[in-house]
């Protein structure tokens, strides 16, 4: 059963978030599906609740700019944009700080983080009360229309999440503008609540998005999920392993295959939510440990396609794709 919480029940909603539960909350753009961004299992539950087919990066919400910049590294442009547009419907993609507390799954294993400060008093109250970074994609089933009322959220996600904090209708009604500043330039990844012309008035020219098909061909756009070889460790990755050699590191799912030079367990219990939460950390650890030990590759045990398994396998296939 999904609870419908009144605006006065902010502390109850914050306690649910800190406990690893999913809570939908209002922003000025659309309702977000909130999870403690430090908690990999909670983040995995977001993808599961939405039926989201890929581990796309999630926007992390903060109560103030300095809290966001404690997790992601701003430059002068980011600070100027934050001063002008935060709180507000602008998301900035910035480099992750080395000590970033946000789980790797929330950022889809990338070295960047998407951050924003929403301009909704109830969202800000919730973020302050929870006192954690909150990952929050739109609170709807994947592929469906984004919700702008609490009832919209219940229509799509009732029974899949713990609660909805009712803040009335959203005032903007379209998602935030997403601007990538992490690669040195400035690229618009998604138009939204802040017009790109207003951004350019602050920081100068911004590159416009190119079609997904063109991005896949040119591999020039730093937008997640568009490149075939992506989320890739340095060591080659071998999928669907049914045996493993001593010169291989093993990404295990269930009882590990014998003989590996190093092992990272996704989930001994074959729990897909746990496996999703541990995937990116495991690839990074095996890559570093394998290099330290002089291993030749990473072998990956089969993961079923059901539920979150489809997203896990999507990322593994990208990690194993031929490098160019």
C-alpha atoms as a PDB file:
ATOM      1  CA  UNK A   1       0.000   0.000   0.000  1.00  0.00           C
ATOM      2  CA  UNK A   2       1.297   3.457  -0.947  1.00  0.00           C
ATOM      3  CA  UNK A   3       0.723   6.192   1.631  1.00  0.00           C
ATOM      4  CA  UNK A   4      -0.588   9.597   0.549  1.00  0.00           C
ATOM      5  CA  UNK A   5       1.107  12.059   2.872  1.00  0.00           C
ATOM      6  CA  UNK A   6      -0.134  15.590   3.455  1.00  0.00           C
ATOM      7  CA  UNK A   7       2.240  18.542   3.211  1.00  0.00           C
ATOM      8  CA  UNK A   8       2.529  18.641   7.010  1.00  0.00           C
ATOM      9  CA  UNK A   9       4.000  15.117   7.065  1.00  0.00           C
ATOM     10  CA  UNK A  10       7.439  16.111   5.767  1.00  0.00           C
ATOM     11  CA  UNK A  11       9.290  14.522   8.705  1.00  0.00           C
ATOM     12  CA  UNK A  12       7.517  11.207   8.114  1.00  0.00           C
ATOM     13  CA  UNK A  13       8.457  11.295   4.431  1.00  0.00           C
ATOM     14  CA  UNK A  14      12.073  12.152   5.326  1.00  0.00           C
ATOM     15  CA  UNK A  15      12.256   9.220   7.747  1.00  0.00           C
ATOM     16  CA  UNK A  16      11.040   6.867   5.012  1.00  0.00           C
ATOM     17  CA  UNK A  17      13.753   8.135   2.664  1.00  0.00           C
ATOM     18  CA  UNK A  18      16.478   7.660   5.272  1.00  0.00           C
ATOM     19  CA  UNK A  19      15.163   4.128   5.866  1.00  0.00           C
ATOM     20  CA  UNK A  20      15.742   3.252   2.202  1.00  0.00           C
ATOM     21  CA  UNK A  21      12.125   3.569   1.069  1.00  0.00           C
ATOM     22  CA  UNK A  22      10.896   5.310  -2.095  1.00  0.00           C
ATOM     23  CA  UNK A  23       8.913   8.532  -1.657  1.00  0.00           C
ATOM     24  CA  UNK A  24       7.455  10.578  -4.499  1.00  0.00           C
ATOM     25  CA  UNK A  25       7.615  14.325  -3.913  1.00  0.00           C
ATOM     26  CA  UNK A  26       6.546  17.487  -5.734  1.00  0.00           C
ATOM     27  CA  UNK A  27       8.907  19.832  -7.512  1.00  0.00           C
ATOM     28  CA  UNK A  28       8.143  22.848  -9.645  1.00  0.00           C
ATOM     29  CA  UNK A  29       8.692  20.710 -12.784  1.00  0.00           C
ATOM     30  CA  UNK A  30       7.088  17.281 -12.191  1.00  0.00           C
ATOM     31  CA  UNK A  31       6.783  14.885  -9.260  1.00  0.00           C
ATOM     32  CA  UNK A  32      10.059  13.077  -8.554  1.00  0.00           C
ATOM     33  CA  UNK A  33      10.517   9.524  -7.323  1.00  0.00           C
ATOM     34  CA  UNK A  34      12.887  10.038  -4.412  1.00  0.00           C
ATOM     35  CA  UNK A  35      15.458   7.648  -2.966  1.00  0.00           C
ATOM     36  CA  UNK A  36      18.471   8.142  -0.701  1.00  0.00           C
ATOM     37  CA  UNK A  37      21.144   8.548  -3.384  1.00  0.00           C
ATOM     38  CA  UNK A  38      23.801   7.088  -1.044  1.00  0.00           C
ATOM     39  CA  UNK A  39      21.897   3.790  -0.802  1.00  0.00           C
ATOM     40  CA  UNK A  40      22.505   1.536  -3.804  1.00  0.00           C
ATOM     41  CA  UNK A  41      19.604  -0.779  -2.993  1.00  0.00           C
ATOM     42  CA  UNK A  42      17.206   2.164  -2.755  1.00  0.00           C
ATOM     43  CA  UNK A  43      18.465   3.511  -6.078  1.00  0.00           C
ATOM     44  CA  UNK A  44      18.043   0.085  -7.680  1.00  0.00           C
ATOM     45  CA  UNK A  45      14.481   0.051  -6.364  1.00  0.00           C
ATOM     46  CA  UNK A  46      13.805   3.257  -8.319  1.00  0.00           C
ATOM     47  CA  UNK A  47      14.647   1.537 -11.597  1.00  0.00           C
ATOM     48  CA  UNK A  48      12.581  -1.463 -10.553  1.00  0.00           C
ATOM     49  CA  UNK A  49       9.530   0.603  -9.583  1.00  0.00           C
ATOM     50  CA  UNK A  50       9.643   2.570 -12.829  1.00  0.00           C
ATOM     51  CA  UNK A  51      10.275  -0.478 -14.996  1.00  0.00           C
ATOM     52  CA  UNK A  52      13.151   1.557 -16.410  1.00  0.00           C
ATOM     53  CA  UNK A  53      14.993  -0.568 -18.972  1.00  0.00           C
ATOM     54  CA  UNK A  54      18.426   1.029 -18.566  1.00  0.00           C
ATOM     55  CA  UNK A  55      20.472   2.412 -15.698  1.00  0.00           C
ATOM     56  CA  UNK A  56      20.399   5.958 -16.989  1.00  0.00           C
ATOM     57  CA  UNK A  57      21.920   8.529 -14.636  1.00  0.00           C
ATOM     58  CA  UNK A  58      19.470   9.958 -12.127  1.00  0.00           C
ATOM     59  CA  UNK A  59      19.291  13.622 -11.143  1.00  0.00           C
ATOM     60  CA  UNK A  60      20.302  14.177  -7.523  1.00  0.00           C
ATOM     61  CA  UNK A  61      18.364  16.834  -5.632  1.00  0.00           C
ATOM     62  CA  UNK A  62      19.750  19.081  -2.900  1.00  0.00           C
ATOM     63  CA  UNK A  63      18.373  21.773  -0.632  1.00  0.00           C
ATOM     64  CA  UNK A  64      21.081  24.290  -1.555  1.00  0.00           C
ATOM     65  CA  UNK A  65      23.868  24.818  -4.058  1.00  0.00           C
ATOM     66  CA  UNK A  66      26.740  24.200  -1.634  1.00  0.00           C
ATOM     67  CA  UNK A  67      25.284  20.795  -0.715  1.00  0.00           C
ATOM     68  CA  UNK A  68      25.251  19.891  -4.419  1.00  0.00           C
ATOM     69  CA  UNK A  69      28.777  21.208  -4.894  1.00  0.00           C
ATOM     70  CA  UNK A  70      30.005  19.104  -1.982  1.00  0.00           C
ATOM     71  CA  UNK A  71      29.312  16.059  -4.190  1.00  0.00           C
ATOM     72  CA  UNK A  72      30.048  17.467  -7.678  1.00  0.00           C
ATOM     73  CA  UNK A  73      32.850  19.831  -8.664  1.00  0.00           C
ATOM     74  CA  UNK A  74      31.654  23.210  -9.991  1.00  0.00           C
ATOM     75  CA  UNK A  75      33.583  25.648 -12.137  1.00  0.00           C
ATOM     76  CA  UNK A  76      32.912  29.363 -12.353  1.00  0.00           C
ATOM     77  CA  UNK A  77      30.164  28.807 -14.946  1.00  0.00           C
ATOM     78  CA  UNK A  78      28.353  26.333 -12.711  1.00  0.00           C
ATOM     79  CA  UNK A  79      28.473  28.727  -9.786  1.00  0.00           C
ATOM     80  CA  UNK A  80      27.182  31.572 -11.936  1.00  0.00           C
ATOM     81  CA  UNK A  81      24.303  29.437 -13.212  1.00  0.00           C
ATOM     82  CA  UNK A  82      23.484  28.252  -9.709  1.00  0.00           C
ATOM     83  CA  UNK A  83      23.427  31.850  -8.507  1.00  0.00           C
ATOM     84  CA  UNK A  84      21.071  32.809 -11.344  1.00  0.00           C
ATOM     85  CA  UNK A  85      18.762  29.776 -11.646  1.00  0.00           C
ATOM     86  CA  UNK A  86      18.803  27.810  -8.365  1.00  0.00           C
ATOM     87  CA  UNK A  87      16.451  27.007  -6.849  1.00  0.00           C
ATOM     88  CA  UNK A  88      14.912  26.261 -10.228  1.00  0.00           C
ATOM     89  CA  UNK A  89      14.438  23.879 -13.166  1.00  0.00           C
ATOM     90  CA  UNK A  90      18.092  23.587 -14.231  1.00  0.00           C
ATOM     91  CA  UNK A  91      20.188  20.433 -13.833  1.00  0.00           C
ATOM     92  CA  UNK A  92      23.977  20.654 -14.140  1.00  0.00           C
ATOM     93  CA  UNK A  93      26.128  17.667 -15.107  1.00  0.00           C
ATOM     94  CA  UNK A  94      29.478  18.087 -13.360  1.00  0.00           C
ATOM     95  CA  UNK A  95      32.493  15.911 -12.459  1.00  0.00           C
ATOM     96  CA  UNK A  96      32.008  13.746  -9.370  1.00  0.00           C
ATOM     97  CA  UNK A  97      34.208  14.688  -6.466  1.00  0.00           C
ATOM     98  CA  UNK A  98      36.568  11.894  -5.343  1.00  0.00           C
ATOM     99  CA  UNK A  99      34.803  11.791  -1.947  1.00  0.00           C
ATOM    100  CA  UNK A 100      31.294  11.899  -3.460  1.00  0.00           C
ATOM    101  CA  UNK A 101      28.793  10.051  -1.243  1.00  0.00           C
ATOM    102  CA  UNK A 102      26.321   9.355  -4.044  1.00  0.00           C
ATOM    103  CA  UNK A 103      26.200   5.679  -4.974  1.00  0.00           C
ATOM    104  CA  UNK A 104      27.710   4.859  -8.360  1.00  0.00           C
ATOM    105  CA  UNK A 105      24.425   3.364  -9.537  1.00  0.00           C
ATOM    106  CA  UNK A 106      22.706   6.754  -9.244  1.00  0.00           C
ATOM    107  CA  UNK A 107      25.247   8.145 -11.716  1.00  0.00           C
ATOM    108  CA  UNK A 108      25.132   5.024 -13.931  1.00  0.00           C
ATOM    109  CA  UNK A 109      28.785   4.336 -13.161  1.00  0.00           C
ATOM    110  CA  UNK A 110      29.973   7.535 -14.826  1.00  0.00           C
ATOM    111  CA  UNK A 111      32.499  10.017 -13.448  1.00  0.00           C
ATOM    112  CA  UNK A 112      29.870  12.745 -13.556  1.00  0.00           C
ATOM    113  CA  UNK A 113      26.863  13.675 -11.469  1.00  0.00           C
ATOM    114  CA  UNK A 114      23.630  15.445 -12.435  1.00  0.00           C
ATOM    115  CA  UNK A 115      22.598  17.864  -9.684  1.00  0.00           C
ATOM    116  CA  UNK A 116      19.943  20.480  -9.069  1.00  0.00           C
ATOM    117  CA  UNK A 117      18.158  22.499  -6.368  1.00  0.00           C
ATOM    118  CA  UNK A 118      14.380  22.414  -6.965  1.00  0.00           C
ATOM    119  CA  UNK A 119      12.209  25.502  -6.560  1.00  0.00           C
ATOM    120  CA  UNK A 120       9.344  24.000  -4.582  1.00  0.00           C
ATOM    121  CA  UNK A 121       8.955  24.795  -0.878  1.00  0.00           C
ATOM    122  CA  UNK A 122       7.805  21.280   0.009  1.00  0.00           C
ATOM    123  CA  UNK A 123      10.647  19.648  -1.930  1.00  0.00           C
ATOM    124  CA  UNK A 124      13.160  21.905  -0.167  1.00  0.00           C
ATOM    125  CA  UNK A 125      11.615  21.137   3.215  1.00  0.00           C
ATOM    126  CA  UNK A 126      11.858  17.407   2.498  1.00  0.00           C
ATOM    127  CA  UNK A 127      15.479  17.663   1.365  1.00  0.00           C
ATOM    128  CA  UNK A 128      16.428  19.603   4.497  1.00  0.00           C
ATOM    129  CA  UNK A 129      14.586  17.165   6.770  1.00  0.00           C
ATOM    130  CA  UNK A 130      16.058  14.069   5.098  1.00  0.00           C
ATOM    131  CA  UNK A 131      19.563  15.598   5.038  1.00  0.00           C
ATOM    132  CA  UNK A 132      20.708  13.200   2.292  1.00  0.00           C
ATOM    133  CA  UNK A 133      21.196  13.594  -1.472  1.00  0.00           C
ATOM    134  CA  UNK A 134      17.928  12.468  -3.062  1.00  0.00           C
ATOM    135  CA  UNK A 135      17.942  10.772  -6.457  1.00  0.00           C
ATOM    136  CA  UNK A 136      14.708  11.650  -8.174  1.00  0.00           C
ATOM    137  CA  UNK A 137      13.639  10.801 -11.732  1.00  0.00           C
ATOM    138  CA  UNK A 138      10.035  11.496 -12.707  1.00  0.00           C
ATOM    139  CA  UNK A 139       7.596   9.486 -10.579  1.00  0.00           C
ATOM    140  CA  UNK A 140       5.955   7.487 -13.335  1.00  0.00           C
ATOM    141  CA  UNK A 141       6.303   4.129 -15.047  1.00  0.00           C
ATOM    142  CA  UNK A 142       8.954   4.239 -17.773  1.00  0.00           C
ATOM    143  CA  UNK A 143       7.538   5.485 -21.065  1.00  0.00           C
ATOM    144  CA  UNK A 144       4.426   7.005 -19.535  1.00  0.00           C
ATOM    145  CA  UNK A 145       3.561  10.690 -19.202  1.00  0.00           C
ATOM    146  CA  UNK A 146       5.360  12.491 -16.389  1.00  0.00           C
ATOM    147  CA  UNK A 147       3.154  13.189 -13.330  1.00  0.00           C
ATOM    148  CA  UNK A 148       2.238  16.693 -12.240  1.00  0.00           C
ATOM    149  CA  UNK A 149      -0.137  15.777  -9.365  1.00  0.00           C
ATOM    150  CA  UNK A 150      -0.026  13.281  -6.515  1.00  0.00           C
ATOM    151  CA  UNK A 151      -2.921  11.389  -8.095  1.00  0.00           C
ATOM    152  CA  UNK A 152      -0.919  10.951 -11.293  1.00  0.00           C
ATOM    153  CA  UNK A 153       1.797   9.281  -9.220  1.00  0.00           C
ATOM    154  CA  UNK A 154      -0.694   6.971  -7.511  1.00  0.00           C
ATOM    155  CA  UNK A 155      -2.237   6.057 -10.855  1.00  0.00           C
ATOM    156  CA  UNK A 156       1.101   4.699 -12.067  1.00  0.00           C
ATOM    157  CA  UNK A 157       3.065   3.637  -8.999  1.00  0.00           C
ATOM    158  CA  UNK A 158       0.589   2.755  -6.246  1.00  0.00           C
ATOM    159  CA  UNK A 159       1.817  -0.369  -4.483  1.00  0.00           C
ATOM    160  CA  UNK A 160       5.334   0.029  -5.901  1.00  0.00           C
ATOM    161  CA  UNK A 161       6.549   2.816  -3.592  1.00  0.00           C
ATOM    162  CA  UNK A 162       6.142   3.674   0.082  1.00  0.00           C
ATOM    163  CA  UNK A 163       4.537   7.106  -0.100  1.00  0.00           C
ATOM    164  CA  UNK A 164       3.614  10.216  -2.078  1.00  0.00           C
ATOM    165  CA  UNK A 165       4.063  13.616  -0.455  1.00  0.00           C
ATOM    166  CA  UNK A 166       1.178  15.699  -1.811  1.00  0.00           C
ATOM    167  CA  UNK A 167       2.175  19.227  -2.727  1.00  0.00           C
ATOM    168  CA  UNK A 168      -0.574  19.988  -5.202  1.00  0.00           C
ATOM    169  CA  UNK A 169      -0.117  20.535  -8.950  1.00  0.00           C
ATOM    170  CA  UNK A 170       3.349  21.325 -10.311  1.00  0.00           C
ATOM    171  CA  UNK A 171       3.728  24.866 -11.610  1.00  0.00           C
ATOM    172  CA  UNK A 172       6.212  24.322 -14.472  1.00  0.00           C
ATOM    173  CA  UNK A 173       4.970  20.944 -15.660  1.00  0.00           C
ATOM    174  CA  UNK A 174       7.959  19.995 -17.844  1.00  0.00           C
ATOM    175  CA  UNK A 175      11.238  18.491 -16.727  1.00  0.00           C
ATOM    176  CA  UNK A 176      14.332  20.525 -15.899  1.00  0.00           C
ATOM    177  CA  UNK A 177      16.818  21.676 -18.488  1.00  0.00           C
ATOM    178  CA  UNK A 178      19.930  19.460 -18.378  1.00  0.00           C
ATOM    179  CA  UNK A 179      23.255  21.148 -19.153  1.00  0.00           C
ATOM    180  CA  UNK A 180      26.550  19.249 -19.371  1.00  0.00           C
ATOM    181  CA  UNK A 181      29.528  21.258 -18.134  1.00  0.00           C
ATOM    182  CA  UNK A 182      31.742  18.301 -17.274  1.00  0.00           C
ATOM    183  CA  UNK A 183      33.758  18.081 -20.497  1.00  0.00           C
ATOM    184  CA  UNK A 184      34.975  21.673 -20.599  1.00  0.00           C
ATOM    185  CA  UNK A 185      32.393  22.975 -23.037  1.00  0.00           C
ATOM    186  CA  UNK A 186      28.684  23.499 -22.458  1.00  0.00           C
ATOM    187  CA  UNK A 187      26.207  21.113 -24.074  1.00  0.00           C
ATOM    188  CA  UNK A 188      22.446  21.055 -23.786  1.00  0.00           C
ATOM    189  CA  UNK A 189      21.418  17.457 -23.131  1.00  0.00           C
ATOM    190  CA  UNK A 190      17.716  18.134 -22.570  1.00  0.00           C
ATOM    191  CA  UNK A 191      15.656  21.277 -23.070  1.00  0.00           C
ATOM    192  CA  UNK A 192      13.377  22.049 -20.170  1.00  0.00           C
ATOM    193  CA  UNK A 193      12.179  24.636 -17.707  1.00  0.00           C
ATOM    194  CA  UNK A 194      15.060  27.102 -18.246  1.00  0.00           C
ATOM    195  CA  UNK A 195      15.392  28.310 -21.864  1.00  0.00           C
ATOM    196  CA  UNK A 196      18.829  27.757 -23.360  1.00  0.00           C
ATOM    197  CA  UNK A 197      18.906  31.429 -24.394  1.00  0.00           C
ATOM    198  CA  UNK A 198      18.707  32.411 -20.715  1.00  0.00           C
ATOM    199  CA  UNK A 199      21.641  30.106 -19.973  1.00  0.00           C
ATOM    200  CA  UNK A 200      23.661  31.588 -22.824  1.00  0.00           C
ATOM    201  CA  UNK A 201      23.045  35.058 -21.416  1.00  0.00           C
ATOM    202  CA  UNK A 202      25.027  33.946 -18.350  1.00  0.00           C
ATOM    203  CA  UNK A 203      27.825  31.731 -19.746  1.00  0.00           C
ATOM    204  CA  UNK A 204      27.899  32.235 -23.517  1.00  0.00           C
ATOM    205  CA  UNK A 205      27.281  29.749 -26.355  1.00  0.00           C
ATOM    206  CA  UNK A 206      25.802  26.337 -25.582  1.00  0.00           C
ATOM    207  CA  UNK A 207      25.972  23.392 -27.993  1.00  0.00           C
ATOM    208  CA  UNK A 208      22.544  22.095 -28.973  1.00  0.00           C
ATOM    209  CA  UNK A 209      21.651  18.389 -28.831  1.00  0.00           C
ATOM    210  CA  UNK A 210      22.232  16.209 -31.880  1.00  0.00           C
ATOM    211  CA  UNK A 211      19.996  13.257 -32.781  1.00  0.00           C
ATOM    212  CA  UNK A 212      20.556  10.025 -30.881  1.00  0.00           C
ATOM    213  CA  UNK A 213      21.326   8.229 -34.142  1.00  0.00           C
ATOM    214  CA  UNK A 214      24.019  10.757 -34.976  1.00  0.00           C
ATOM    215  CA  UNK A 215      25.439  10.614 -31.463  1.00  0.00           C
ATOM    216  CA  UNK A 216      25.677   6.824 -31.672  1.00  0.00           C
ATOM    217  CA  UNK A 217      27.527   7.125 -34.978  1.00  0.00           C
ATOM    218  CA  UNK A 218      29.899   9.935 -34.037  1.00  0.00           C
ATOM    219  CA  UNK A 219      30.280   9.070 -30.339  1.00  0.00           C
ATOM    220  CA  UNK A 220      30.803  12.771 -29.629  1.00  0.00           C
ATOM    221  CA  UNK A 221      27.907  13.552 -27.280  1.00  0.00           C
ATOM    222  CA  UNK A 222      28.463  12.919 -23.587  1.00  0.00           C
ATOM    223  CA  UNK A 223      24.895  11.784 -23.072  1.00  0.00           C
ATOM    224  CA  UNK A 224      24.479   8.493 -21.199  1.00  0.00           C
ATOM    225  CA  UNK A 225      23.234   5.379 -22.912  1.00  0.00           C
ATOM    226  CA  UNK A 226      24.017   6.538 -26.469  1.00  0.00           C
ATOM    227  CA  UNK A 227      27.393   4.880 -26.969  1.00  0.00           C
ATOM    228  CA  UNK A 228      27.761   1.174 -27.607  1.00  0.00           C
ATOM    229  CA  UNK A 229      31.060   0.733 -25.741  1.00  0.00           C
ATOM    230  CA  UNK A 230      30.236   2.396 -22.467  1.00  0.00           C
ATOM    231  CA  UNK A 231      30.748   1.838 -18.737  1.00  0.00           C
ATOM    232  CA  UNK A 232      33.819  -0.112 -19.825  1.00  0.00           C
ATOM    233  CA  UNK A 233      36.701  -1.066 -17.521  1.00  0.00           C
ATOM    234  CA  UNK A 234      40.244  -1.173 -18.896  1.00  0.00           C
ATOM    235  CA  UNK A 235      40.379  -4.975 -18.722  1.00  0.00           C
ATOM    236  CA  UNK A 236      38.431  -6.800 -21.457  1.00  0.00           C
ATOM    237  CA  UNK A 237      35.094  -8.241 -20.324  1.00  0.00           C
ATOM    238  CA  UNK A 238      33.897 -11.771 -21.201  1.00  0.00           C
ATOM    239  CA  UNK A 239      30.184 -12.436 -20.741  1.00  0.00           C
ATOM    240  CA  UNK A 240      28.148 -15.581 -19.995  1.00  0.00           C
ATOM    241  CA  UNK A 241      31.090 -17.317 -18.330  1.00  0.00           C
ATOM    242  CA  UNK A 242      30.445 -20.922 -17.260  1.00  0.00           C
ATOM    243  CA  UNK A 243      34.064 -21.526 -16.259  1.00  0.00           C
ATOM    244  CA  UNK A 244      36.887 -19.236 -15.278  1.00  0.00           C
ATOM    245  CA  UNK A 245      40.684 -19.308 -15.579  1.00  0.00           C
ATOM    246  CA  UNK A 246      43.269 -18.297 -13.017  1.00  0.00           C
ATOM    247  CA  UNK A 247      44.245 -15.268 -15.112  1.00  0.00           C
ATOM    248  CA  UNK A 248      40.677 -13.948 -15.004  1.00  0.00           C
ATOM    249  CA  UNK A 249      38.811 -11.839 -12.455  1.00  0.00           C
ATOM    250  CA  UNK A 250      35.246 -12.971 -11.821  1.00  0.00           C
ATOM    251  CA  UNK A 251      32.045 -10.961 -11.525  1.00  0.00           C
ATOM    252  CA  UNK A 252      29.952 -13.553  -9.720  1.00  0.00           C
ATOM    253  CA  UNK A 253      26.188 -13.934  -9.455  1.00  0.00           C
ATOM    254  CA  UNK A 254      25.317 -16.724  -7.049  1.00  0.00           C
ATOM    255  CA  UNK A 255      27.802 -19.478  -6.200  1.00  0.00           C
ATOM    256  CA  UNK A 256      31.147 -18.306  -7.678  1.00  0.00           C
ATOM    257  CA  UNK A 257      32.847 -20.384 -10.343  1.00  0.00           C
ATOM    258  CA  UNK A 258      36.071 -21.911  -8.973  1.00  0.00           C
ATOM    259  CA  UNK A 259      39.556 -20.854  -9.993  1.00  0.00           C
ATOM    260  CA  UNK A 260      39.335 -17.069 -10.508  1.00  0.00           C
ATOM    261  CA  UNK A 261      42.233 -14.792  -9.680  1.00  0.00           C
ATOM    262  CA  UNK A 262      39.868 -12.296  -7.963  1.00  0.00           C
ATOM    263  CA  UNK A 263      36.139 -12.333  -7.225  1.00  0.00           C
ATOM    264  CA  UNK A 264      33.475  -9.657  -6.765  1.00  0.00           C
ATOM    265  CA  UNK A 265      30.100 -11.020  -5.694  1.00  0.00           C
ATOM    266  CA  UNK A 266      27.095  -9.215  -7.147  1.00  0.00           C
ATOM    267  CA  UNK A 267      24.669 -11.217  -5.037  1.00  0.00           C
ATOM    268  CA  UNK A 268      25.236 -14.575  -3.381  1.00  0.00           C
ATOM    269  CA  UNK A 269      21.452 -14.883  -3.039  1.00  0.00           C
ATOM    270  CA  UNK A 270      20.939 -14.030  -6.749  1.00  0.00           C
ATOM    271  CA  UNK A 271      18.945 -10.960  -5.749  1.00  0.00           C
ATOM    272  CA  UNK A 272      18.732  -8.669  -8.788  1.00  0.00           C
ATOM    273  CA  UNK A 273      18.229  -5.514  -6.724  1.00  0.00           C
ATOM    274  CA  UNK A 274      21.376  -6.235  -4.730  1.00  0.00           C
ATOM    275  CA  UNK A 275      23.221  -7.094  -7.945  1.00  0.00           C
ATOM    276  CA  UNK A 276      22.182  -3.809  -9.561  1.00  0.00           C
ATOM    277  CA  UNK A 277      23.333  -1.864  -6.516  1.00  0.00           C
ATOM    278  CA  UNK A 278      26.758  -3.557  -6.597  1.00  0.00           C
ATOM    279  CA  UNK A 279      27.364  -3.646 -10.363  1.00  0.00           C
ATOM    280  CA  UNK A 280      29.362  -0.478 -11.045  1.00  0.00           C
ATOM    281  CA  UNK A 281      31.405  -0.692  -7.861  1.00  0.00           C
ATOM    282  CA  UNK A 282      32.205  -4.299  -8.763  1.00  0.00           C
ATOM    283  CA  UNK A 283      33.420  -3.482 -12.265  1.00  0.00           C
ATOM    284  CA  UNK A 284      35.657  -0.741 -10.896  1.00  0.00           C
ATOM    285  CA  UNK A 285      37.054  -2.932  -8.124  1.00  0.00           C
ATOM    286  CA  UNK A 286      37.746  -5.865 -10.434  1.00  0.00           C
ATOM    287  CA  UNK A 287      39.419  -3.569 -12.948  1.00  0.00           C
ATOM    288  CA  UNK A 288      41.763  -2.125 -10.313  1.00  0.00           C
ATOM    289  CA  UNK A 289      42.399  -5.433  -8.525  1.00  0.00           C
ATOM    290  CA  UNK A 290      42.845  -7.281 -11.814  1.00  0.00           C
ATOM    291  CA  UNK A 291      45.415  -4.751 -12.963  1.00  0.00           C
ATOM    292  CA  UNK A 292      47.213  -5.002  -9.632  1.00  0.00           C
ATOM    293  CA  UNK A 293      47.363  -8.788  -9.917  1.00  0.00           C
ATOM    294  CA  UNK A 294      48.247  -8.815 -13.611  1.00  0.00           C
ATOM    295  CA  UNK A 295      45.024 -10.566 -14.651  1.00  0.00           C
ATOM    296  CA  UNK A 296      44.008 -10.710 -18.307  1.00  0.00           C
ATOM    297  CA  UNK A 297      40.264 -10.030 -18.278  1.00  0.00           C
ATOM    298  CA  UNK A 298      37.028  -9.963 -16.322  1.00  0.00           C
ATOM    299  CA  UNK A 299      34.714 -12.962 -16.693  1.00  0.00           C
ATOM    300  CA  UNK A 300      31.028 -12.405 -15.938  1.00  0.00           C
ATOM    301  CA  UNK A 301      28.662 -15.133 -14.815  1.00  0.00           C
ATOM    302  CA  UNK A 302      25.211 -15.172 -16.487  1.00  0.00           C
ATOM    303  CA  UNK A 303      22.555 -12.855 -15.054  1.00  0.00           C
ATOM    304  CA  UNK A 304      18.903 -13.541 -15.928  1.00  0.00           C
ATOM    305  CA  UNK A 305      17.066 -11.037 -18.118  1.00  0.00           C
ATOM    306  CA  UNK A 306      14.007 -10.780 -15.870  1.00  0.00           C
ATOM    307  CA  UNK A 307      13.244  -7.465 -14.147  1.00  0.00           C
ATOM    308  CA  UNK A 308      16.380  -5.488 -13.280  1.00  0.00           C
ATOM    309  CA  UNK A 309      18.416  -8.200 -15.005  1.00  0.00           C
ATOM    310  CA  UNK A 310      17.672  -6.545 -18.356  1.00  0.00           C
ATOM    311  CA  UNK A 311      19.301  -3.305 -17.193  1.00  0.00           C
ATOM    312  CA  UNK A 312      22.242  -5.147 -15.636  1.00  0.00           C
ATOM    313  CA  UNK A 313      22.856  -7.070 -18.863  1.00  0.00           C
ATOM    314  CA  UNK A 314      22.539  -3.908 -20.936  1.00  0.00           C
ATOM    315  CA  UNK A 315      25.379  -2.316 -18.986  1.00  0.00           C
ATOM    316  CA  UNK A 316      27.468  -5.491 -19.107  1.00  0.00           C
ATOM    317  CA  UNK A 317      27.038  -5.743 -22.871  1.00  0.00           C
ATOM    318  CA  UNK A 318      28.210  -2.159 -23.239  1.00  0.00           C
ATOM    319  CA  UNK A 319      31.199  -2.857 -20.996  1.00  0.00           C
ATOM    320  CA  UNK A 320      32.102  -5.864 -23.150  1.00  0.00           C
ATOM    321  CA  UNK A 321      31.592  -4.166 -26.540  1.00  0.00           C
ATOM    322  CA  UNK A 322      34.598  -3.813 -28.881  1.00  0.00           C
ATOM    323  CA  UNK A 323      36.655  -0.707 -28.135  1.00  0.00           C
ATOM    324  CA  UNK A 324      37.303   1.811 -30.866  1.00  0.00           C
END
